[in-house]
Amino acid sequence: MNSRREYRNNRSALFDGIEEGGIRASSSYSSHEIDEHDNDRAMDGLQDRVNMLKRLTGDIDEEVEGHNRMLDCMGNDMDSSRGVLSGTMDKFKMVFETNSSWRTFSLVAVFVAIFLIVYYLTR
């Protein structure tokens, strides 16, 4: 029975301060100091995550601004191309509104010739 008590004393001296699943509060550290240390470590982890999220949101903001600029430029280009196309359509209307069959025939012949040339060049 005495050997069992010595075994427990030796075992507790060997594993003093260590518990399953973590560190047990030893006589040199109070529970409050360990909690403060854990809280500081958790705060550092949260601060790192906040900094990472801040950088990520900054990157997203830059990306969105770039896309907005690109869309604005595309909208301006579409407006200018709409103006050019409407001018071209007005000219076509003016050509087809005249009763000159010779103009209509020559216009159709030019379009057919251009189509055939492009067709044979791309073959």
PDB file of N, CA and C in Angstrom:
ATOM      1  N   MET A   1       0.818  -1.173   0.000  1.00  0.00           N
ATOM      2  CA  MET A   1       0.000   0.000   0.000  1.00  0.00           C
ATOM      3  C   MET A   1       0.865   1.241   0.000  1.00  0.00           C
ATOM      4  N   ASN A   2       1.958   1.187   0.684  1.00  0.00           N
ATOM      5  CA  ASN A   2       2.898   2.299   0.735  1.00  0.00           C
ATOM      6  C   ASN A   2       3.540   2.519  -0.627  1.00  0.00           C
ATOM      7  N   SER A   3       3.804   1.448  -1.352  1.00  0.00           N
ATOM      8  CA  SER A   3       4.411   1.596  -2.679  1.00  0.00           C
ATOM      9  C   SER A   3       3.434   2.268  -3.656  1.00  0.00           C
ATOM     10  N   ARG A   4       2.156   2.010  -3.454  1.00  0.00           N
ATOM     11  CA  ARG A   4       1.150   2.634  -4.303  1.00  0.00           C
ATOM     12  C   ARG A   4       1.123   4.142  -4.061  1.00  0.00           C
ATOM     13  N   ARG A   5       1.242   4.565  -2.837  1.00  0.00           N
ATOM     14  CA  ARG A   5       1.267   5.991  -2.512  1.00  0.00           C
ATOM     15  C   ARG A   5       2.511   6.645  -3.090  1.00  0.00           C
ATOM     16  N   GLU A   6       3.651   5.978  -3.025  1.00  0.00           N
ATOM     17  CA  GLU A   6       4.884   6.517  -3.605  1.00  0.00           C
ATOM     18  C   GLU A   6       4.763   6.613  -5.131  1.00  0.00           C
ATOM     19  N   TYR A   7       4.085   5.618  -5.710  1.00  0.00           N
ATOM     20  CA  TYR A   7       3.880   5.639  -7.158  1.00  0.00           C
ATOM     21  C   TYR A   7       3.046   6.852  -7.555  1.00  0.00           C
ATOM     22  N   ARG A   8       1.985   7.126  -6.798  1.00  0.00           N
ATOM     23  CA  ARG A   8       1.142   8.289  -7.088  1.00  0.00           C
ATOM     24  C   ARG A   8       1.909   9.587  -6.898  1.00  0.00           C
ATOM     25  N   ASN A   9       2.726   9.674  -5.853  1.00  0.00           N
ATOM     26  CA  ASN A   9       3.521  10.881  -5.621  1.00  0.00           C
ATOM     27  C   ASN A   9       4.536  11.087  -6.736  1.00  0.00           C
ATOM     28  N   ASN A  10       5.191  10.004  -7.160  1.00  0.00           N
ATOM     29  CA  ASN A  10       6.165  10.109  -8.259  1.00  0.00           C
ATOM     30  C   ASN A  10       5.470  10.490  -9.561  1.00  0.00           C
ATOM     31  N   ARG A  11       4.323   9.879  -9.767  1.00  0.00           N
ATOM     32  CA  ARG A  11       3.564  10.181 -10.991  1.00  0.00           C
ATOM     33  C   ARG A  11       3.099  11.627 -10.994  1.00  0.00           C
ATOM     34  N   SER A  12       2.595  12.119  -9.882  1.00  0.00           N
ATOM     35  CA  SER A  12       2.130  13.503  -9.840  1.00  0.00           C
ATOM     36  C   SER A  12       3.297  14.464  -9.940  1.00  0.00           C
ATOM     37  N   ALA A  13       4.452  14.114  -9.420  1.00  0.00           N
ATOM     38  CA  ALA A  13       5.629  14.970  -9.555  1.00  0.00           C
ATOM     39  C   ALA A  13       6.107  14.985 -11.003  1.00  0.00           C
ATOM     40  N   LEU A  14       6.003  13.850 -11.668  1.00  0.00           N
ATOM     41  CA  LEU A  14       6.451  13.759 -13.053  1.00  0.00           C
ATOM     42  C   LEU A  14       5.531  14.542 -13.976  1.00  0.00           C
ATOM     43  N   PHE A  15       4.225  14.433 -13.768  1.00  0.00           N
ATOM     44  CA  PHE A  15       3.266  15.069 -14.642  1.00  0.00           C
ATOM     45  C   PHE A  15       2.644  16.302 -14.019  1.00  0.00           C
ATOM     46  N   ASP A  16       3.335  16.976 -13.145  1.00  0.00           N
ATOM     47  CA  ASP A  16       2.802  18.154 -12.468  1.00  0.00           C
ATOM     48  C   ASP A  16       2.558  19.263 -13.487  1.00  0.00           C
ATOM     49  N   GLY A  17       1.342  19.760 -13.547  1.00  0.00           N
ATOM     50  CA  GLY A  17       1.006  20.853 -14.454  1.00  0.00           C
ATOM     51  C   GLY A  17       0.477  20.395 -15.789  1.00  0.00           C
ATOM     52  N   ILE A  18       0.453  19.079 -16.046  1.00  0.00           N
ATOM     53  CA  ILE A  18      -0.039  18.581 -17.332  1.00  0.00           C
ATOM     54  C   ILE A  18      -1.278  17.748 -17.066  1.00  0.00           C
ATOM     55  N   GLU A  19      -2.286  17.974 -17.859  1.00  0.00           N
ATOM     56  CA  GLU A  19      -3.550  17.284 -17.704  1.00  0.00           C
ATOM     57  C   GLU A  19      -3.962  16.777 -19.071  1.00  0.00           C
ATOM     58  N   GLU A  20      -4.848  15.857 -19.145  1.00  0.00           N
ATOM     59  CA  GLU A  20      -5.338  15.413 -20.438  1.00  0.00           C
ATOM     60  C   GLU A  20      -6.065  16.549 -21.117  1.00  0.00           C
ATOM     61  N   GLY A  21      -5.700  16.836 -22.343  1.00  0.00           N
ATOM     62  CA  GLY A  21      -6.374  17.859 -23.110  1.00  0.00           C
ATOM     63  C   GLY A  21      -5.878  19.265 -22.858  1.00  0.00           C
ATOM     64  N   GLY A  22      -4.853  19.465 -22.101  1.00  0.00           N
ATOM     65  CA  GLY A  22      -4.371  20.823 -21.912  1.00  0.00           C
ATOM     66  C   GLY A  22      -3.476  20.975 -20.710  1.00  0.00           C
ATOM     67  N   ILE A  23      -3.241  22.208 -20.311  1.00  0.00           N
ATOM     68  CA  ILE A  23      -2.359  22.528 -19.203  1.00  0.00           C
ATOM     69  C   ILE A  23      -3.208  22.833 -17.983  1.00  0.00           C
ATOM     70  N   ARG A  24      -2.828  22.254 -16.868  1.00  0.00           N
ATOM     71  CA  ARG A  24      -3.532  22.514 -15.627  1.00  0.00           C
ATOM     72  C   ARG A  24      -2.849  23.678 -14.939  1.00  0.00           C
ATOM     73  N   ALA A  25      -3.611  24.484 -14.298  1.00  0.00           N
ATOM     74  CA  ALA A  25      -3.050  25.626 -13.584  1.00  0.00           C
ATOM     75  C   ALA A  25      -2.145  25.131 -12.470  1.00  0.00           C
ATOM     76  N   SER A  26      -0.872  25.480 -12.544  1.00  0.00           N
ATOM     77  CA  SER A  26       0.054  25.067 -11.502  1.00  0.00           C
ATOM     78  C   SER A  26       0.132  26.161 -10.446  1.00  0.00           C
ATOM     79  N   SER A  27       0.953  25.929  -9.494  1.00  0.00           N
ATOM     80  CA  SER A  27       1.027  26.874  -8.382  1.00  0.00           C
ATOM     81  C   SER A  27       1.647  28.199  -8.811  1.00  0.00           C
ATOM     82  N   SER A  28       2.490  28.199  -9.873  1.00  0.00           N
ATOM     83  CA  SER A  28       3.146  29.444 -10.268  1.00  0.00           C
ATOM     84  C   SER A  28       2.246  30.338 -11.122  1.00  0.00           C
ATOM     85  N   TYR A  29       1.223  29.773 -11.774  1.00  0.00           N
ATOM     86  CA  TYR A  29       0.310  30.559 -12.596  1.00  0.00           C
ATOM     87  C   TYR A  29      -1.090  30.461 -12.024  1.00  0.00           C
ATOM     88  N   SER A  30      -1.750  31.562 -11.985  1.00  0.00           N
ATOM     89  CA  SER A  30      -3.130  31.525 -11.530  1.00  0.00           C
ATOM     90  C   SER A  30      -4.051  31.313 -12.718  1.00  0.00           C
ATOM     91  N   SER A  31      -5.256  30.931 -12.443  1.00  0.00           N
ATOM     92  CA  SER A  31      -6.252  30.706 -13.493  1.00  0.00           C
ATOM     93  C   SER A  31      -6.515  31.996 -14.259  1.00  0.00           C
ATOM     94  N   HIS A  32      -6.482  33.107 -13.552  1.00  0.00           N
ATOM     95  CA  HIS A  32      -6.717  34.413 -14.175  1.00  0.00           C
ATOM     96  C   HIS A  32      -5.636  34.733 -15.206  1.00  0.00           C
ATOM     97  N   GLU A  33      -4.374  34.438 -14.883  1.00  0.00           N
ATOM     98  CA  GLU A  33      -3.271  34.714 -15.813  1.00  0.00           C
ATOM     99  C   GLU A  33      -3.374  33.844 -17.056  1.00  0.00           C
ATOM    100  N   ILE A  34      -3.787  32.601 -16.880  1.00  0.00           N
ATOM    101  CA  ILE A  34      -3.945  31.709 -18.029  1.00  0.00           C
ATOM    102  C   ILE A  34      -5.091  32.203 -18.900  1.00  0.00           C
ATOM    103  N   ASP A  35      -6.209  32.614 -18.277  1.00  0.00           N
ATOM    104  CA  ASP A  35      -7.333  33.144 -19.040  1.00  0.00           C
ATOM    105  C   ASP A  35      -6.936  34.405 -19.799  1.00  0.00           C
ATOM    106  N   GLU A  36      -6.167  35.282 -19.176  1.00  0.00           N
ATOM    107  CA  GLU A  36      -5.686  36.494 -19.850  1.00  0.00           C
ATOM    108  C   GLU A  36      -4.806  36.138 -21.049  1.00  0.00           C
ATOM    109  N   HIS A  37      -3.950  35.140 -20.863  1.00  0.00           N
ATOM    110  CA  HIS A  37      -3.070  34.712 -21.955  1.00  0.00           C
ATOM    111  C   HIS A  37      -3.903  34.153 -23.107  1.00  0.00           C
ATOM    112  N   ASP A  38      -4.895  33.318 -22.792  1.00  0.00           N
ATOM    113  CA  ASP A  38      -5.768  32.773 -23.838  1.00  0.00           C
ATOM    114  C   ASP A  38      -6.545  33.882 -24.537  1.00  0.00           C
ATOM    115  N   ASN A  39      -7.020  34.854 -23.765  1.00  0.00           N
ATOM    116  CA  ASN A  39      -7.744  35.975 -24.352  1.00  0.00           C
ATOM    117  C   ASN A  39      -6.844  36.807 -25.258  1.00  0.00           C
ATOM    118  N   ASP A  40      -5.619  37.045 -24.840  1.00  0.00           N
ATOM    119  CA  ASP A  40      -4.675  37.801 -25.678  1.00  0.00           C
ATOM    120  C   ASP A  40      -4.393  37.065 -26.974  1.00  0.00           C
ATOM    121  N   ARG A  41      -4.234  35.751 -26.867  1.00  0.00           N
ATOM    122  CA  ARG A  41      -3.971  34.951 -28.063  1.00  0.00           C
ATOM    123  C   ARG A  41      -5.185  34.987 -29.004  1.00  0.00           C
ATOM    124  N   ALA A  42      -6.373  34.897 -28.437  1.00  0.00           N
ATOM    125  CA  ALA A  42      -7.592  34.952 -29.243  1.00  0.00           C
ATOM    126  C   ALA A  42      -7.744  36.331 -29.880  1.00  0.00           C
ATOM    127  N   MET A  43      -7.415  37.385 -29.146  1.00  0.00           N
ATOM    128  CA  MET A  43      -7.492  38.748 -29.690  1.00  0.00           C
ATOM    129  C   MET A  43      -6.522  38.919 -30.852  1.00  0.00           C
ATOM    130  N   ASP A  44      -5.306  38.356 -30.716  1.00  0.00           N
ATOM    131  CA  ASP A  44      -4.338  38.440 -31.814  1.00  0.00           C
ATOM    132  C   ASP A  44      -4.868  37.717 -33.045  1.00  0.00           C
ATOM    133  N   GLY A  45      -5.488  36.546 -32.839  1.00  0.00           N
ATOM    134  CA  GLY A  45      -6.060  35.812 -33.961  1.00  0.00           C
ATOM    135  C   GLY A  45      -7.183  36.584 -34.623  1.00  0.00           C
ATOM    136  N   LEU A  46      -8.028  37.196 -33.815  1.00  0.00           N
ATOM    137  CA  LEU A  46      -9.118  37.992 -34.377  1.00  0.00           C
ATOM    138  C   LEU A  46      -8.596  39.216 -35.112  1.00  0.00           C
ATOM    139  N   GLN A  47      -7.551  39.839 -34.568  1.00  0.00           N
ATOM    140  CA  GLN A  47      -6.967  41.008 -35.225  1.00  0.00           C
ATOM    141  C   GLN A  47      -6.389  40.631 -36.589  1.00  0.00           C
ATOM    142  N   ASP A  48      -5.754  39.465 -36.658  1.00  0.00           N
ATOM    143  CA  ASP A  48      -5.234  38.997 -37.950  1.00  0.00           C
ATOM    144  C   ASP A  48      -6.373  38.770 -38.944  1.00  0.00           C
ATOM    145  N   ARG A  49      -7.467  38.180 -38.469  1.00  0.00           N
ATOM    146  CA  ARG A  49      -8.606  37.938 -39.358  1.00  0.00           C
ATOM    147  C   ARG A  49      -9.233  39.243 -39.811  1.00  0.00           C
ATOM    148  N   VAL A  50      -9.343  40.196 -38.900  1.00  0.00           N
ATOM    149  CA  VAL A  50      -9.910  41.498 -39.270  1.00  0.00           C
ATOM    150  C   VAL A  50      -9.034  42.179 -40.309  1.00  0.00           C
ATOM    151  N   ASN A  51      -7.717  42.124 -40.127  1.00  0.00           N
ATOM    152  CA  ASN A  51      -6.799  42.729 -41.104  1.00  0.00           C
ATOM    153  C   ASN A  51      -6.926  42.047 -42.459  1.00  0.00           C
ATOM    154  N   MET A  52      -7.061  40.713 -42.442  1.00  0.00           N
ATOM    155  CA  MET A  52      -7.197  39.987 -43.700  1.00  0.00           C
ATOM    156  C   MET A  52      -8.506  40.380 -44.395  1.00  0.00           C
ATOM    157  N   LEU A  53      -9.598  40.471 -43.630  1.00  0.00           N
ATOM    158  CA  LEU A  53     -10.876  40.871 -44.217  1.00  0.00           C
ATOM    159  C   LEU A  53     -10.826  42.306 -44.729  1.00  0.00           C
ATOM    160  N   LYS A  54     -10.096  43.164 -44.033  1.00  0.00           N
ATOM    161  CA  LYS A  54      -9.956  44.554 -44.481  1.00  0.00           C
ATOM    162  C   LYS A  54      -9.233  44.621 -45.822  1.00  0.00           C
ATOM    163  N   ARG A  55      -8.149  43.854 -45.946  1.00  0.00           N
ATOM    164  CA  ARG A  55      -7.432  43.815 -47.228  1.00  0.00           C
ATOM    165  C   ARG A  55      -8.313  43.231 -48.322  1.00  0.00           C
ATOM    166  N   LEU A  56      -9.065  42.193 -47.975  1.00  0.00           N
ATOM    167  CA  LEU A  56      -9.939  41.547 -48.952  1.00  0.00           C
ATOM    168  C   LEU A  56     -11.029  42.501 -49.430  1.00  0.00           C
ATOM    169  N   THR A  57     -11.637  43.231 -48.516  1.00  0.00           N
ATOM    170  CA  THR A  57     -12.669  44.183 -48.935  1.00  0.00           C
ATOM    171  C   THR A  57     -12.073  45.321 -49.743  1.00  0.00           C
ATOM    172  N   GLY A  58     -10.844  45.725 -49.427  1.00  0.00           N
ATOM    173  CA  GLY A  58     -10.176  46.745 -50.245  1.00  0.00           C
ATOM    174  C   GLY A  58      -9.935  46.247 -51.656  1.00  0.00           C
ATOM    175  N   ASP A  59      -9.509  44.982 -51.776  1.00  0.00           N
ATOM    176  CA  ASP A  59      -9.292  44.399 -53.108  1.00  0.00           C
ATOM    177  C   ASP A  59     -10.600  44.289 -53.880  1.00  0.00           C
ATOM    178  N   ILE A  60     -11.666  43.905 -53.188  1.00  0.00           N
ATOM    179  CA  ILE A  60     -12.972  43.807 -53.852  1.00  0.00           C
ATOM    180  C   ILE A  60     -13.423  45.184 -54.321  1.00  0.00           C
ATOM    181  N   ASP A  61     -13.207  46.202 -53.481  1.00  0.00           N
ATOM    182  CA  ASP A  61     -13.589  47.566 -53.854  1.00  0.00           C
ATOM    183  C   ASP A  61     -12.838  48.018 -55.103  1.00  0.00           C
ATOM    184  N   GLU A  62     -11.534  47.745 -55.163  1.00  0.00           N
ATOM    185  CA  GLU A  62     -10.749  48.120 -56.348  1.00  0.00           C
ATOM    186  C   GLU A  62     -11.261  47.384 -57.584  1.00  0.00           C
ATOM    187  N   GLU A  63     -11.589  46.109 -57.422  1.00  0.00           N
ATOM    188  CA  GLU A  63     -12.086  45.322 -58.555  1.00  0.00           C
ATOM    189  C   GLU A  63     -13.420  45.865 -59.052  1.00  0.00           C
ATOM    190  N   VAL A  64     -14.305  46.208 -58.129  1.00  0.00           N
ATOM    191  CA  VAL A  64     -15.618  46.747 -58.509  1.00  0.00           C
ATOM    192  C   VAL A  64     -15.462  48.093 -59.197  1.00  0.00           C
ATOM    193  N   GLU A  65     -14.584  48.939 -58.680  1.00  0.00           N
ATOM    194  CA  GLU A  65     -14.347  50.239 -59.324  1.00  0.00           C
ATOM    195  C   GLU A  65     -13.822  50.054 -60.740  1.00  0.00           C
ATOM    196  N   GLY A  66     -12.900  49.110 -60.925  1.00  0.00           N
ATOM    197  CA  GLY A  66     -12.375  48.837 -62.267  1.00  0.00           C
ATOM    198  C   GLY A  66     -13.463  48.353 -63.216  1.00  0.00           C
ATOM    199  N   HIS A  67     -14.326  47.477 -62.724  1.00  0.00           N
ATOM    200  CA  HIS A  67     -15.409  46.985 -63.572  1.00  0.00           C
ATOM    201  C   HIS A  67     -16.408  48.090 -63.886  1.00  0.00           C
ATOM    202  N   ASN A  68     -16.680  48.957 -62.923  1.00  0.00           N
ATOM    203  CA  ASN A  68     -17.599  50.074 -63.187  1.00  0.00           C
ATOM    204  C   ASN A  68     -17.042  51.011 -64.249  1.00  0.00           C
ATOM    205  N   ARG A  69     -15.730  51.291 -64.174  1.00  0.00           N
ATOM    206  CA  ARG A  69     -15.106  52.132 -65.203  1.00  0.00           C
ATOM    207  C   ARG A  69     -15.204  51.475 -66.572  1.00  0.00           C
ATOM    208  N   MET A  70     -14.959  50.165 -66.617  1.00  0.00           N
ATOM    209  CA  MET A  70     -15.014  49.451 -67.888  1.00  0.00           C
ATOM    210  C   MET A  70     -16.439  49.471 -68.453  1.00  0.00           C
ATOM    211  N   LEU A  71     -17.430  49.271 -67.578  1.00  0.00           N
ATOM    212  CA  LEU A  71     -18.813  49.313 -68.050  1.00  0.00           C
ATOM    213  C   LEU A  71     -19.212  50.703 -68.525  1.00  0.00           C
ATOM    214  N   ASP A  72     -18.727  51.737 -67.861  1.00  0.00           N
ATOM    215  CA  ASP A  72     -19.011  53.101 -68.319  1.00  0.00           C
ATOM    216  C   ASP A  72     -18.432  53.347 -69.705  1.00  0.00           C
ATOM    217  N   CYS A  73     -17.205  52.885 -69.914  1.00  0.00           N
ATOM    218  CA  CYS A  73     -16.586  53.048 -71.240  1.00  0.00           C
ATOM    219  C   CYS A  73     -17.359  52.269 -72.300  1.00  0.00           C
ATOM    220  N   MET A  74     -17.798  51.064 -71.945  1.00  0.00           N
ATOM    221  CA  MET A  74     -18.570  50.271 -72.906  1.00  0.00           C
ATOM    222  C   MET A  74     -19.892  50.953 -73.223  1.00  0.00           C
ATOM    223  N   GLY A  75     -20.534  51.546 -72.206  1.00  0.00           N
ATOM    224  CA  GLY A  75     -21.785  52.263 -72.445  1.00  0.00           C
ATOM    225  C   GLY A  75     -21.580  53.447 -73.363  1.00  0.00           C
ATOM    226  N   ASN A  76     -20.490  54.195 -73.168  1.00  0.00           N
ATOM    227  CA  ASN A  76     -20.184  55.331 -74.041  1.00  0.00           C
ATOM    228  C   ASN A  76     -19.911  54.875 -75.470  1.00  0.00           C
ATOM    229  N   ASP A  77     -19.179  53.766 -75.601  1.00  0.00           N
ATOM    230  CA  ASP A  77     -18.896  53.236 -76.942  1.00  0.00           C
ATOM    231  C   ASP A  77     -20.183  52.770 -77.628  1.00  0.00           C
ATOM    232  N   MET A  78     -21.068  52.148 -76.856  1.00  0.00           N
ATOM    233  CA  MET A  78     -22.344  51.706 -77.441  1.00  0.00           C
ATOM    234  C   MET A  78     -23.173  52.905 -77.892  1.00  0.00           C
ATOM    235  N   ASP A  79     -23.165  53.978 -77.108  1.00  0.00           N
ATOM    236  CA  ASP A  79     -23.913  55.178 -77.501  1.00  0.00           C
ATOM    237  C   ASP A  79     -23.358  55.770 -78.791  1.00  0.00           C
ATOM    238  N   SER A  80     -22.032  55.815 -78.892  1.00  0.00           N
ATOM    239  CA  SER A  80     -21.443  56.386 -80.111  1.00  0.00           C
ATOM    240  C   SER A  80     -21.700  55.485 -81.320  1.00  0.00           C
ATOM    241  N   SER A  81     -21.645  54.164 -81.121  1.00  0.00           N
ATOM    242  CA  SER A  81     -21.914  53.272 -82.253  1.00  0.00           C
ATOM    243  C   SER A  81     -23.395  53.331 -82.643  1.00  0.00           C
ATOM    244  N   ARG A  82     -24.280  53.559 -81.680  1.00  0.00           N
ATOM    245  CA  ARG A  82     -25.701  53.718 -82.005  1.00  0.00           C
ATOM    246  C   ARG A  82     -25.902  54.957 -82.875  1.00  0.00           C
ATOM    247  N   GLY A  83     -25.168  56.020 -82.573  1.00  0.00           N
ATOM    248  CA  GLY A  83     -25.265  57.230 -83.386  1.00  0.00           C
ATOM    249  C   GLY A  83     -24.791  56.999 -84.808  1.00  0.00           C
ATOM    250  N   VAL A  84     -23.686  56.267 -84.946  1.00  0.00           N
ATOM    251  CA  VAL A  84     -23.158  55.976 -86.281  1.00  0.00           C
ATOM    252  C   VAL A  84     -24.138  55.101 -87.056  1.00  0.00           C
ATOM    253  N   LEU A  85     -24.684  54.085 -86.398  1.00  0.00           N
ATOM    254  CA  LEU A  85     -25.625  53.190 -87.078  1.00  0.00           C
ATOM    255  C   LEU A  85     -26.917  53.907 -87.470  1.00  0.00           C
ATOM    256  N   SER A  86     -27.389  54.789 -86.619  1.00  0.00           N
ATOM    257  CA  SER A  86     -28.613  55.511 -86.988  1.00  0.00           C
ATOM    258  C   SER A  86     -28.359  56.430 -88.185  1.00  0.00           C
ATOM    259  N   GLY A  87     -27.176  57.023 -88.254  1.00  0.00           N
ATOM    260  CA  GLY A  87     -26.829  57.845 -89.421  1.00  0.00           C
ATOM    261  C   GLY A  87     -26.758  57.011 -90.684  1.00  0.00           C
ATOM    262  N   THR A  88     -26.201  55.819 -90.574  1.00  0.00           N
ATOM    263  CA  THR A  88     -26.108  54.927 -91.727  1.00  0.00           C
ATOM    264  C   THR A  88     -27.505  54.482 -92.171  1.00  0.00           C
ATOM    265  N   MET A  89     -28.344  54.156 -91.199  1.00  0.00           N
ATOM    266  CA  MET A  89     -29.706  53.743 -91.545  1.00  0.00           C
ATOM    267  C   MET A  89     -30.481  54.888 -92.207  1.00  0.00           C
ATOM    268  N   ASP A  90     -30.254  56.097 -91.752  1.00  0.00           N
ATOM    269  CA  ASP A  90     -30.912  57.245 -92.390  1.00  0.00           C
ATOM    270  C   ASP A  90     -30.478  57.368 -93.840  1.00  0.00           C
ATOM    271  N   LYS A  91     -29.204  57.135 -94.104  1.00  0.00           N
ATOM    272  CA  LYS A  91     -28.712  57.204 -95.492  1.00  0.00           C
ATOM    273  C   LYS A  91     -29.317  56.101 -96.348  1.00  0.00           C
ATOM    274  N   PHE A  92     -29.441  54.881 -95.780  1.00  0.00           N
ATOM    275  CA  PHE A  92     -30.061  53.790 -96.527  1.00  0.00           C
ATOM    276  C   PHE A  92     -31.526  54.098 -96.822  1.00  0.00           C
ATOM    277  N   LYS A  93     -32.208  54.654 -95.842  1.00  0.00           N
ATOM    278  CA  LYS A  93     -33.610  55.016 -96.065  1.00  0.00           C
ATOM    279  C   LYS A  93     -33.740  56.029 -97.195  1.00  0.00           C
ATOM    280  N   MET A  94     -32.819  56.981 -97.215  1.00  0.00           N
ATOM    281  CA  MET A  94     -32.872  58.011 -98.249  1.00  0.00           C
ATOM    282  C   MET A  94     -32.614  57.388 -99.618  1.00  0.00           C
ATOM    283  N   VAL A  95     -31.713  56.430 -99.700  1.00  0.00           N
ATOM    284  CA  VAL A  95     -31.421  55.781-100.979  1.00  0.00           C
ATOM    285  C   VAL A  95     -32.621  54.970-101.443  1.00  0.00           C
ATOM    286  N   PHE A  96     -33.251  54.228-100.540  1.00  0.00           N
ATOM    287  CA  PHE A  96     -34.357  53.360-100.939  1.00  0.00           C
ATOM    288  C   PHE A  96     -35.658  54.112-101.129  1.00  0.00           C
ATOM    289  N   GLU A  97     -35.768  55.304-100.563  1.00  0.00           N
ATOM    290  CA  GLU A  97     -37.000  56.077-100.754  1.00  0.00           C
ATOM    291  C   GLU A  97     -37.074  56.708-102.140  1.00  0.00           C
ATOM    292  N   THR A  98     -35.949  56.904-102.777  1.00  0.00           N
ATOM    293  CA  THR A  98     -35.998  57.442-104.144  1.00  0.00           C
ATOM    294  C   THR A  98     -36.494  56.342-105.072  1.00  0.00           C
ATOM    295  N   ASN A  99     -37.157  56.712-106.098  1.00  0.00           N
ATOM    296  CA  ASN A  99     -37.766  55.741-107.009  1.00  0.00           C
ATOM    297  C   ASN A  99     -36.816  55.339-108.123  1.00  0.00           C
ATOM    298  N   SER A 100     -35.569  55.537-107.932  1.00  0.00           N
ATOM    299  CA  SER A 100     -34.616  55.193-108.979  1.00  0.00           C
ATOM    300  C   SER A 100     -34.298  53.704-108.897  1.00  0.00           C
ATOM    301  N   SER A 101     -34.725  52.954-109.884  1.00  0.00           N
ATOM    302  CA  SER A 101     -34.465  51.515-109.894  1.00  0.00           C
ATOM    303  C   SER A 101     -32.990  51.225-110.193  1.00  0.00           C
ATOM    304  N   TRP A 102     -32.364  52.139-110.936  1.00  0.00           N
ATOM    305  CA  TRP A 102     -30.952  51.946-111.251  1.00  0.00           C
ATOM    306  C   TRP A 102     -30.117  51.978-109.975  1.00  0.00           C
ATOM    307  N   ARG A 103     -30.359  52.892-109.059  1.00  0.00           N
ATOM    308  CA  ARG A 103     -29.618  52.970-107.787  1.00  0.00           C
ATOM    309  C   ARG A 103     -29.853  51.713-106.949  1.00  0.00           C
ATOM    310  N   THR A 104     -31.082  51.274-106.892  1.00  0.00           N
ATOM    311  CA  THR A 104     -31.407  50.086-106.101  1.00  0.00           C
ATOM    312  C   THR A 104     -30.703  48.864-106.676  1.00  0.00           C
ATOM    313  N   PHE A 105     -30.727  48.730-107.998  1.00  0.00           N
ATOM    314  CA  PHE A 105     -30.065  47.600-108.637  1.00  0.00           C
ATOM    315  C   PHE A 105     -28.566  47.648-108.395  1.00  0.00           C
ATOM    316  N   SER A 106     -27.947  48.790-108.539  1.00  0.00           N
ATOM    317  CA  SER A 106     -26.497  48.886-108.342  1.00  0.00           C
ATOM    318  C   SER A 106     -26.127  48.628-106.879  1.00  0.00           C
ATOM    319  N   LEU A 107     -26.925  49.089-105.942  1.00  0.00           N
ATOM    320  CA  LEU A 107     -26.653  48.852-104.526  1.00  0.00           C
ATOM    321  C   LEU A 107     -26.727  47.363-104.202  1.00  0.00           C
ATOM    322  N   VAL A 108     -27.754  46.686-104.715  1.00  0.00           N
ATOM    323  CA  VAL A 108     -27.890  45.243-104.482  1.00  0.00           C
ATOM    324  C   VAL A 108     -26.743  44.500-105.146  1.00  0.00           C
ATOM    325  N   ALA A 109     -26.345  44.909-106.340  1.00  0.00           N
ATOM    326  CA  ALA A 109     -25.243  44.252-107.048  1.00  0.00           C
ATOM    327  C   ALA A 109     -23.934  44.416-106.291  1.00  0.00           C
ATOM    328  N   VAL A 110     -23.700  45.585-105.725  1.00  0.00           N
ATOM    329  CA  VAL A 110     -22.469  45.802-104.944  1.00  0.00           C
ATOM    330  C   VAL A 110     -22.458  44.905-103.706  1.00  0.00           C
ATOM    331  N   PHE A 111     -23.592  44.820-103.006  1.00  0.00           N
ATOM    332  CA  PHE A 111     -23.657  43.968-101.821  1.00  0.00           C
ATOM    333  C   PHE A 111     -23.425  42.499-102.177  1.00  0.00           C
ATOM    334  N   VAL A 112     -24.008  42.032-103.271  1.00  0.00           N
ATOM    335  CA  VAL A 112     -23.814  40.640-103.693  1.00  0.00           C
ATOM    336  C   VAL A 112     -22.358  40.404-104.080  1.00  0.00           C
ATOM    337  N   ALA A 113     -21.746  41.350-104.769  1.00  0.00           N
ATOM    338  CA  ALA A 113     -20.343  41.207-105.172  1.00  0.00           C
ATOM    339  C   ALA A 113     -19.433  41.159-103.938  1.00  0.00           C
ATOM    340  N   ILE A 114     -19.679  42.041-102.995  1.00  0.00           N
ATOM    341  CA  ILE A 114     -18.860  42.041-101.769  1.00  0.00           C
ATOM    342  C   ILE A 114     -19.038  40.730-101.013  1.00  0.00           C
ATOM    343  N   PHE A 115     -20.274  40.243-100.925  1.00  0.00           N
ATOM    344  CA  PHE A 115     -20.531  38.981-100.244  1.00  0.00           C
ATOM    345  C   PHE A 115     -19.781  37.839-100.917  1.00  0.00           C
ATOM    346  N   LEU A 116     -19.826  37.773-102.255  1.00  0.00           N
ATOM    347  CA  LEU A 116     -19.141  36.698-102.974  1.00  0.00           C
ATOM    348  C   LEU A 116     -17.626  36.788-102.810  1.00  0.00           C
ATOM    349  N   ILE A 117     -17.090  37.977-102.843  1.00  0.00           N
ATOM    350  CA  ILE A 117     -15.633  38.147-102.667  1.00  0.00           C
ATOM    351  C   ILE A 117     -15.213  37.684-101.277  1.00  0.00           C
ATOM    352  N   VAL A 118     -15.948  38.086-100.268  1.00  0.00           N
ATOM    353  CA  VAL A 118     -15.619  37.685 -98.896  1.00  0.00           C
ATOM    354  C   VAL A 118     -15.779  36.183 -98.744  1.00  0.00           C
ATOM    355  N   TYR A 119     -16.817  35.616 -99.363  1.00  0.00           N
ATOM    356  CA  TYR A 119     -17.057  34.180 -99.284  1.00  0.00           C
ATOM    357  C   TYR A 119     -15.889  33.396 -99.897  1.00  0.00           C
ATOM    358  N   TYR A 120     -15.423  33.801-101.066  1.00  0.00           N
ATOM    359  CA  TYR A 120     -14.326  33.070-101.716  1.00  0.00           C
ATOM    360  C   TYR A 120     -12.979  33.300-101.031  1.00  0.00           C
ATOM    361  N   LEU A 121     -12.794  34.453-100.417  1.00  0.00           N
ATOM    362  CA  LEU A 121     -11.541  34.709 -99.692  1.00  0.00           C
ATOM    363  C   LEU A 121     -11.469  33.929 -98.380  1.00  0.00           C
ATOM    364  N   THR A 122     -12.570  33.682 -97.770  1.00  0.00           N
ATOM    365  CA  THR A 122     -12.554  32.982 -96.483  1.00  0.00           C
ATOM    366  C   THR A 122     -12.610  31.471 -96.624  1.00  0.00           C
ATOM    367  N   ARG A 123     -12.843  30.982 -97.804  1.00  0.00           N
ATOM    368  CA  ARG A 123     -12.863  29.520 -98.030  1.00  0.00           C
ATOM    369  C   ARG A 123     -11.543  28.944 -97.922  1.00  0.00           C
TER     370      ARG A 123
END
